[in-house]
């Protein structure tokens, strides 16, 4: 349905909570962290890393979501 977004499940360690969010596929991973930081005040965007729970892949802030293995229903961990 959405070719420009993927629905992912993000577990935020600092909050011990899961969130399901639509992530734009043309954005950099670092921009996604910033967007999450705007929504959730307790996230410090300085040293956060997004990791794929299933594959164990850690993403560089400059990676574009489309060029990663992030797809619909991917489970991510925000450290």
PDB file of N, CA and C in Angstrom:
ATOM      1  N   UNK A   1       0.821  -1.188   0.000  1.00  0.00           N
ATOM      2  CA  UNK A   1       0.000   0.000   0.000  1.00  0.00           C
ATOM      3  C   UNK A   1       0.866   1.254   0.000  1.00  0.00           C
ATOM      4  N   UNK A   2       1.830   1.317   0.907  1.00  0.00           N
ATOM      5  CA  UNK A   2       2.726   2.465   0.945  1.00  0.00           C
ATOM      6  C   UNK A   2       4.056   2.060   0.341  1.00  0.00           C
ATOM      7  N   UNK A   3       4.435   2.648  -0.778  1.00  0.00           N
ATOM      8  CA  UNK A   3       5.712   2.334  -1.397  1.00  0.00           C
ATOM      9  C   UNK A   3       6.837   3.191  -0.854  1.00  0.00           C
ATOM     10  N   UNK A   4       6.466   4.246  -0.143  1.00  0.00           N
ATOM     11  CA  UNK A   4       7.483   5.159   0.354  1.00  0.00           C
ATOM     12  C   UNK A   4       7.678   5.070   1.864  1.00  0.00           C
ATOM     13  N   UNK A   5       6.989   4.117   2.516  1.00  0.00           N
ATOM     14  CA  UNK A   5       7.119   3.947   3.965  1.00  0.00           C
ATOM     15  C   UNK A   5       7.087   2.466   4.299  1.00  0.00           C
ATOM     16  N   UNK A   6       7.705   2.125   5.431  1.00  0.00           N
ATOM     17  CA  UNK A   6       7.609   0.772   5.959  1.00  0.00           C
ATOM     18  C   UNK A   6       7.137   0.863   7.406  1.00  0.00           C
ATOM     19  N   UNK A   7       6.355  -0.102   7.825  1.00  0.00           N
ATOM     20  CA  UNK A   7       5.874  -0.161   9.198  1.00  0.00           C
ATOM     21  C   UNK A   7       6.823  -1.044   9.992  1.00  0.00           C
ATOM     22  N   UNK A   8       7.468  -0.463  10.998  1.00  0.00           N
ATOM     23  CA  UNK A   8       8.440  -1.203  11.800  1.00  0.00           C
ATOM     24  C   UNK A   8       8.043  -1.143  13.274  1.00  0.00           C
ATOM     25  N   UNK A   9       8.549  -2.090  14.023  1.00  0.00           N
ATOM     26  CA  UNK A   9       8.359  -2.124  15.464  1.00  0.00           C
ATOM     27  C   UNK A   9       9.686  -1.726  16.086  1.00  0.00           C
ATOM     28  N   UNK A  10       9.688  -0.636  16.834  1.00  0.00           N
ATOM     29  CA  UNK A  10      10.922  -0.146  17.463  1.00  0.00           C
ATOM     30  C   UNK A  10      10.806  -0.291  18.966  1.00  0.00           C
ATOM     31  N   UNK A  11      11.760  -1.016  19.554  1.00  0.00           N
ATOM     32  CA  UNK A  11      11.844  -1.126  21.004  1.00  0.00           C
ATOM     33  C   UNK A  11      12.878  -0.111  21.466  1.00  0.00           C
ATOM     34  N   UNK A  12      12.454   0.803  22.339  1.00  0.00           N
ATOM     35  CA  UNK A  12      13.351   1.844  22.847  1.00  0.00           C
ATOM     36  C   UNK A  12      13.795   1.440  24.248  1.00  0.00           C
ATOM     37  N   UNK A  13      15.071   1.112  24.349  1.00  0.00           N
ATOM     38  CA  UNK A  13      15.636   0.558  25.575  1.00  0.00           C
ATOM     39  C   UNK A  13      15.468   1.522  26.750  1.00  0.00           C
ATOM     40  N   UNK A  14      15.724   2.805  26.546  1.00  0.00           N
ATOM     41  CA  UNK A  14      15.665   3.772  27.649  1.00  0.00           C
ATOM     42  C   UNK A  14      14.264   3.912  28.232  1.00  0.00           C
ATOM     43  N   UNK A  15      13.245   3.573  27.443  1.00  0.00           N
ATOM     44  CA  UNK A  15      11.860   3.663  27.917  1.00  0.00           C
ATOM     45  C   UNK A  15      11.261   2.302  28.243  1.00  0.00           C
ATOM     46  N   UNK A  16      11.929   1.235  27.812  1.00  0.00           N
ATOM     47  CA  UNK A  16      11.413  -0.131  27.940  1.00  0.00           C
ATOM     48  C   UNK A  16      10.024  -0.253  27.319  1.00  0.00           C
ATOM     49  N   UNK A  17       9.860   0.341  26.127  1.00  0.00           N
ATOM     50  CA  UNK A  17       8.570   0.309  25.433  1.00  0.00           C
ATOM     51  C   UNK A  17       8.757   0.044  23.948  1.00  0.00           C
ATOM     52  N   UNK A  18       7.726  -0.576  23.360  1.00  0.00           N
ATOM     53  CA  UNK A  18       7.667  -0.813  21.916  1.00  0.00           C
ATOM     54  C   UNK A  18       6.760   0.213  21.263  1.00  0.00           C
ATOM     55  N   UNK A  19       7.114   0.599  20.051  1.00  0.00           N
ATOM     56  CA  UNK A  19       6.285   1.494  19.259  1.00  0.00           C
ATOM     57  C   UNK A  19       6.248   0.964  17.831  1.00  0.00           C
ATOM     58  N   UNK A  20       5.080   1.035  17.204  1.00  0.00           N
ATOM     59  CA  UNK A  20       4.979   0.738  15.788  1.00  0.00           C
ATOM     60  C   UNK A  20       4.891   2.061  15.053  1.00  0.00           C
ATOM     61  N   UNK A  21       5.809   2.281  14.129  1.00  0.00           N
ATOM     62  CA  UNK A  21       5.865   3.552  13.409  1.00  0.00           C
ATOM     63  C   UNK A  21       6.103   3.308  11.929  1.00  0.00           C
ATOM     64  N   UNK A  22       5.570   4.217  11.117  1.00  0.00           N
ATOM     65  CA  UNK A  22       5.874   4.223   9.696  1.00  0.00           C
ATOM     66  C   UNK A  22       7.159   5.012   9.497  1.00  0.00           C
ATOM     67  N   UNK A  23       8.096   4.426   8.781  1.00  0.00           N
ATOM     68  CA  UNK A  23       9.392   5.037   8.540  1.00  0.00           C
ATOM     69  C   UNK A  23       9.528   5.309   7.042  1.00  0.00           C
ATOM     70  N   UNK A  24       9.844   6.546   6.647  1.00  0.00           N
ATOM     71  CA  UNK A  24      10.055   6.838   5.229  1.00  0.00           C
ATOM     72  C   UNK A  24      11.298   6.127   4.701  1.00  0.00           C
ATOM     73  N   UNK A  25      11.194   5.489   3.553  1.00  0.00           N
ATOM     74  CA  UNK A  25      12.310   4.701   3.026  1.00  0.00           C
ATOM     75  C   UNK A  25      13.402   5.561   2.396  1.00  0.00           C
ATOM     76  N   UNK A  26      13.117   6.813   2.126  1.00  0.00           N
ATOM     77  CA  UNK A  26      14.115   7.689   1.507  1.00  0.00           C
ATOM     78  C   UNK A  26      14.885   8.531   2.520  1.00  0.00           C
ATOM     79  N   UNK A  27      14.676   8.282   3.794  1.00  0.00           N
ATOM     80  CA  UNK A  27      15.366   9.036   4.844  1.00  0.00           C
ATOM     81  C   UNK A  27      16.612   8.296   5.318  1.00  0.00           C
ATOM     82  N   UNK A  28      17.540   9.054   5.853  1.00  0.00           N
ATOM     83  CA  UNK A  28      18.710   8.461   6.494  1.00  0.00           C
ATOM     84  C   UNK A  28      18.302   7.947   7.870  1.00  0.00           C
ATOM     85  N   UNK A  29      18.975   6.904   8.311  1.00  0.00           N
ATOM     86  CA  UNK A  29      18.699   6.326   9.626  1.00  0.00           C
ATOM     87  C   UNK A  29      18.870   7.386  10.715  1.00  0.00           C
ATOM     88  N   UNK A  30      19.861   8.242  10.594  1.00  0.00           N
ATOM     89  CA  UNK A  30      20.085   9.302  11.577  1.00  0.00           C
ATOM     90  C   UNK A  30      18.907  10.257  11.657  1.00  0.00           C
ATOM     91  N   UNK A  31      18.253  10.520  10.532  1.00  0.00           N
ATOM     92  CA  UNK A  31      17.069  11.389  10.541  1.00  0.00           C
ATOM     93  C   UNK A  31      15.895  10.712  11.232  1.00  0.00           C
ATOM     94  N   UNK A  32      15.808   9.403  11.113  1.00  0.00           N
ATOM     95  CA  UNK A  32      14.754   8.660  11.809  1.00  0.00           C
ATOM     96  C   UNK A  32      14.947   8.784  13.315  1.00  0.00           C
ATOM     97  N   UNK A  33      16.183   8.680  13.774  1.00  0.00           N
ATOM     98  CA  UNK A  33      16.476   8.838  15.204  1.00  0.00           C
ATOM     99  C   UNK A  33      16.069  10.240  15.658  1.00  0.00           C
ATOM    100  N   UNK A  34      16.357  11.258  14.848  1.00  0.00           N
ATOM    101  CA  UNK A  34      15.968  12.629  15.194  1.00  0.00           C
ATOM    102  C   UNK A  34      14.456  12.773  15.261  1.00  0.00           C
ATOM    103  N   UNK A  35      13.741  12.165  14.299  1.00  0.00           N
ATOM    104  CA  UNK A  35      12.282  12.233  14.314  1.00  0.00           C
ATOM    105  C   UNK A  35      11.717  11.567  15.565  1.00  0.00           C
ATOM    106  N   UNK A  36      12.284  10.436  15.947  1.00  0.00           N
ATOM    107  CA  UNK A  36      11.845   9.769  17.173  1.00  0.00           C
ATOM    108  C   UNK A  36      12.148  10.628  18.398  1.00  0.00           C
ATOM    109  N   UNK A  37      13.278  11.322  18.364  1.00  0.00           N
ATOM    110  CA  UNK A  37      13.651  12.201  19.468  1.00  0.00           C
ATOM    111  C   UNK A  37      12.672  13.346  19.653  1.00  0.00           C
ATOM    112  N   UNK A  38      12.117  13.833  18.563  1.00  0.00           N
ATOM    113  CA  UNK A  38      11.116  14.902  18.639  1.00  0.00           C
ATOM    114  C   UNK A  38       9.845  14.388  19.302  1.00  0.00           C
ATOM    115  N   UNK A  39       9.474  13.155  18.972  1.00  0.00           N
ATOM    116  CA  UNK A  39       8.258  12.575  19.532  1.00  0.00           C
ATOM    117  C   UNK A  39       8.414  12.145  20.981  1.00  0.00           C
ATOM    118  N   UNK A  40       9.600  11.703  21.329  1.00  0.00           N
ATOM    119  CA  UNK A  40       9.840  11.162  22.665  1.00  0.00           C
ATOM    120  C   UNK A  40      10.976  11.947  23.299  1.00  0.00           C
ATOM    121  N   UNK A  41      10.652  12.786  24.269  1.00  0.00           N
ATOM    122  CA  UNK A  41      11.614  13.718  24.855  1.00  0.00           C
ATOM    123  C   UNK A  41      12.822  13.058  25.502  1.00  0.00           C
ATOM    124  N   UNK A  42      12.683  11.841  26.011  1.00  0.00           N
ATOM    125  CA  UNK A  42      13.781  11.243  26.763  1.00  0.00           C
ATOM    126  C   UNK A  42      14.857  10.623  25.888  1.00  0.00           C
ATOM    127  N   UNK A  43      14.717  10.723  24.571  1.00  0.00           N
ATOM    128  CA  UNK A  43      15.744  10.172  23.687  1.00  0.00           C
ATOM    129  C   UNK A  43      16.792  11.235  23.410  1.00  0.00           C
ATOM    130  N   UNK A  44      18.019  10.918  23.740  1.00  0.00           N
ATOM    131  CA  UNK A  44      19.128  11.784  23.375  1.00  0.00           C
ATOM    132  C   UNK A  44      19.628  11.324  22.019  1.00  0.00           C
ATOM    133  N   UNK A  45      19.636  12.211  21.030  1.00  0.00           N
ATOM    134  CA  UNK A  45      20.004  11.783  19.685  1.00  0.00           C
ATOM    135  C   UNK A  45      21.508  11.754  19.443  1.00  0.00           C
ATOM    136  N   UNK A  46      22.320  11.957  20.462  1.00  0.00           N
ATOM    137  CA  UNK A  46      23.761  12.032  20.269  1.00  0.00           C
ATOM    138  C   UNK A  46      24.400  10.681  19.965  1.00  0.00           C
ATOM    139  N   UNK A  47      24.118   9.676  20.758  1.00  0.00           N
ATOM    140  CA  UNK A  47      24.824   8.401  20.623  1.00  0.00           C
ATOM    141  C   UNK A  47      23.900   7.217  20.402  1.00  0.00           C
ATOM    142  N   UNK A  48      22.765   7.429  19.810  1.00  0.00           N
ATOM    143  CA  UNK A  48      21.831   6.327  19.607  1.00  0.00           C
ATOM    144  C   UNK A  48      22.213   5.496  18.395  1.00  0.00           C
ATOM    145  N   UNK A  49      21.968   4.195  18.520  1.00  0.00           N
ATOM    146  CA  UNK A  49      22.216   3.251  17.441  1.00  0.00           C
ATOM    147  C   UNK A  49      20.935   2.475  17.215  1.00  0.00           C
ATOM    148  N   UNK A  50      20.567   2.286  15.947  1.00  0.00           N
ATOM    149  CA  UNK A  50      19.429   1.437  15.618  1.00  0.00           C
ATOM    150  C   UNK A  50      19.973   0.101  15.151  1.00  0.00           C
ATOM    151  N   UNK A  51      19.415  -0.969  15.736  1.00  0.00           N
ATOM    152  CA  UNK A  51      19.870  -2.326  15.443  1.00  0.00           C
ATOM    153  C   UNK A  51      18.679  -3.186  15.048  1.00  0.00           C
ATOM    154  N   UNK A  52      18.867  -4.061  14.070  1.00  0.00           N
ATOM    155  CA  UNK A  52      17.846  -5.006  13.657  1.00  0.00           C
ATOM    156  C   UNK A  52      17.900  -6.198  14.608  1.00  0.00           C
ATOM    157  N   UNK A  53      16.812  -6.469  15.304  1.00  0.00           N
ATOM    158  CA  UNK A  53      16.797  -7.545  16.299  1.00  0.00           C
ATOM    159  C   UNK A  53      16.994  -8.902  15.639  1.00  0.00           C
ATOM    160  N   UNK A  54      16.381  -9.113  14.474  1.00  0.00           N
ATOM    161  CA  UNK A  54      16.450 -10.420  13.820  1.00  0.00           C
ATOM    162  C   UNK A  54      17.798 -10.709  13.171  1.00  0.00           C
ATOM    163  N   UNK A  55      18.345  -9.728  12.457  1.00  0.00           N
ATOM    164  CA  UNK A  55      19.601  -9.971  11.738  1.00  0.00           C
ATOM    165  C   UNK A  55      20.835  -9.557  12.533  1.00  0.00           C
ATOM    166  N   UNK A  56      20.655  -8.728  13.552  1.00  0.00           N
ATOM    167  CA  UNK A  56      21.791  -8.245  14.338  1.00  0.00           C
ATOM    168  C   UNK A  56      22.529  -7.096  13.674  1.00  0.00           C
ATOM    169  N   UNK A  57      22.025  -6.607  12.539  1.00  0.00           N
ATOM    170  CA  UNK A  57      22.696  -5.516  11.818  1.00  0.00           C
ATOM    171  C   UNK A  57      22.526  -4.202  12.568  1.00  0.00           C
ATOM    172  N   UNK A  58      23.630  -3.462  12.685  1.00  0.00           N
ATOM    173  CA  UNK A  58      23.598  -2.106  13.221  1.00  0.00           C
ATOM    174  C   UNK A  58      23.714  -1.147  12.048  1.00  0.00           C
ATOM    175  N   UNK A  59      22.956  -0.075  12.091  1.00  0.00           N
ATOM    176  CA  UNK A  59      22.899   0.833  10.948  1.00  0.00           C
ATOM    177  C   UNK A  59      23.659   2.115  11.225  1.00  0.00           C
ATOM    178  N   UNK A  60      24.379   2.550  10.227  1.00  0.00           N
ATOM    179  CA  UNK A  60      25.086   3.823  10.266  1.00  0.00           C
ATOM    180  C   UNK A  60      24.060   4.932  10.101  1.00  0.00           C
ATOM    181  N   UNK A  61      24.267   6.062  10.754  1.00  0.00           N
ATOM    182  CA  UNK A  61      23.332   7.187  10.660  1.00  0.00           C
ATOM    183  C   UNK A  61      23.181   7.709   9.235  1.00  0.00           C
ATOM    184  N   UNK A  62      24.164   7.460   8.373  1.00  0.00           N
ATOM    185  CA  UNK A  62      24.088   7.934   6.993  1.00  0.00           C
ATOM    186  C   UNK A  62      23.459   6.922   6.042  1.00  0.00           C
ATOM    187  N   UNK A  63      23.129   5.722   6.529  1.00  0.00           N
ATOM    188  CA  UNK A  63      22.470   4.722   5.681  1.00  0.00           C
ATOM    189  C   UNK A  63      21.064   5.184   5.338  1.00  0.00           C
ATOM    190  N   UNK A  64      20.678   5.017   4.096  1.00  0.00           N
ATOM    191  CA  UNK A  64      19.307   5.318   3.686  1.00  0.00           C
ATOM    192  C   UNK A  64      18.485   4.057   3.927  1.00  0.00           C
ATOM    193  N   UNK A  65      17.322   4.218   4.524  1.00  0.00           N
ATOM    194  CA  UNK A  65      16.499   3.076   4.924  1.00  0.00           C
ATOM    195  C   UNK A  65      16.282   2.118   3.752  1.00  0.00           C
ATOM    196  N   UNK A  66      16.025   2.621   2.570  1.00  0.00           N
ATOM    197  CA  UNK A  66      15.778   1.789   1.389  1.00  0.00           C
ATOM    198  C   UNK A  66      16.964   0.864   1.084  1.00  0.00           C
ATOM    199  N   UNK A  67      18.181   1.287   1.419  1.00  0.00           N
ATOM    200  CA  UNK A  67      19.382   0.515   1.117  1.00  0.00           C
ATOM    201  C   UNK A  67      19.784  -0.446   2.236  1.00  0.00           C
ATOM    202  N   UNK A  68      18.930  -0.584   3.239  1.00  0.00           N
ATOM    203  CA  UNK A  68      19.192  -1.507   4.348  1.00  0.00           C
ATOM    204  C   UNK A  68      18.236  -2.692   4.228  1.00  0.00           C
ATOM    205  N   UNK A  69      18.277  -3.571   5.223  1.00  0.00           N
ATOM    206  CA  UNK A  69      17.339  -4.697   5.238  1.00  0.00           C
ATOM    207  C   UNK A  69      16.080  -4.385   6.041  1.00  0.00           C
ATOM    208  N   UNK A  70      15.825  -3.105   6.299  1.00  0.00           N
ATOM    209  CA  UNK A  70      14.614  -2.685   7.011  1.00  0.00           C
ATOM    210  C   UNK A  70      13.431  -2.767   6.051  1.00  0.00           C
ATOM    211  N   UNK A  71      12.457  -3.599   6.408  1.00  0.00           N
ATOM    212  CA  UNK A  71      11.249  -3.810   5.621  1.00  0.00           C
ATOM    213  C   UNK A  71      10.035  -3.771   6.544  1.00  0.00           C
ATOM    214  N   UNK A  72       8.841  -3.941   5.994  1.00  0.00           N
ATOM    215  CA  UNK A  72       7.649  -4.019   6.822  1.00  0.00           C
ATOM    216  C   UNK A  72       7.804  -5.122   7.860  1.00  0.00           C
ATOM    217  N   UNK A  73       7.343  -4.847   9.065  1.00  0.00           N
ATOM    218  CA  UNK A  73       7.384  -5.784  10.204  1.00  0.00           C
ATOM    219  C   UNK A  73       8.784  -6.057  10.737  1.00  0.00           C
ATOM    220  N   UNK A  74       9.770  -5.263  10.345  1.00  0.00           N
ATOM    221  CA  UNK A  74      11.100  -5.407  10.925  1.00  0.00           C
ATOM    222  C   UNK A  74      11.071  -4.970  12.383  1.00  0.00           C
ATOM    223  N   UNK A  75      11.772  -5.716  13.222  1.00  0.00           N
ATOM    224  CA  UNK A  75      11.874  -5.384  14.643  1.00  0.00           C
ATOM    225  C   UNK A  75      13.217  -4.700  14.870  1.00  0.00           C
ATOM    226  N   UNK A  76      13.142  -3.457  15.337  1.00  0.00           N
ATOM    227  CA  UNK A  76      14.355  -2.666  15.556  1.00  0.00           C
ATOM    228  C   UNK A  76      14.518  -2.368  17.038  1.00  0.00           C
ATOM    229  N   UNK A  77      15.757  -2.147  17.410  1.00  0.00           N
ATOM    230  CA  UNK A  77      16.111  -1.815  18.790  1.00  0.00           C
ATOM    231  C   UNK A  77      16.838  -0.477  18.751  1.00  0.00           C
ATOM    232  N   UNK A  78      16.367   0.478  19.536  1.00  0.00           N
ATOM    233  CA  UNK A  78      17.037   1.764  19.638  1.00  0.00           C
ATOM    234  C   UNK A  78      17.832   1.783  20.919  1.00  0.00           C
ATOM    235  N   UNK A  79      19.153   1.767  20.790  1.00  0.00           N
ATOM    236  CA  UNK A  79      20.061   1.746  21.954  1.00  0.00           C
ATOM    237  C   UNK A  79      20.569   3.134  22.253  1.00  0.00           C
TER     238      UNK A  79
END
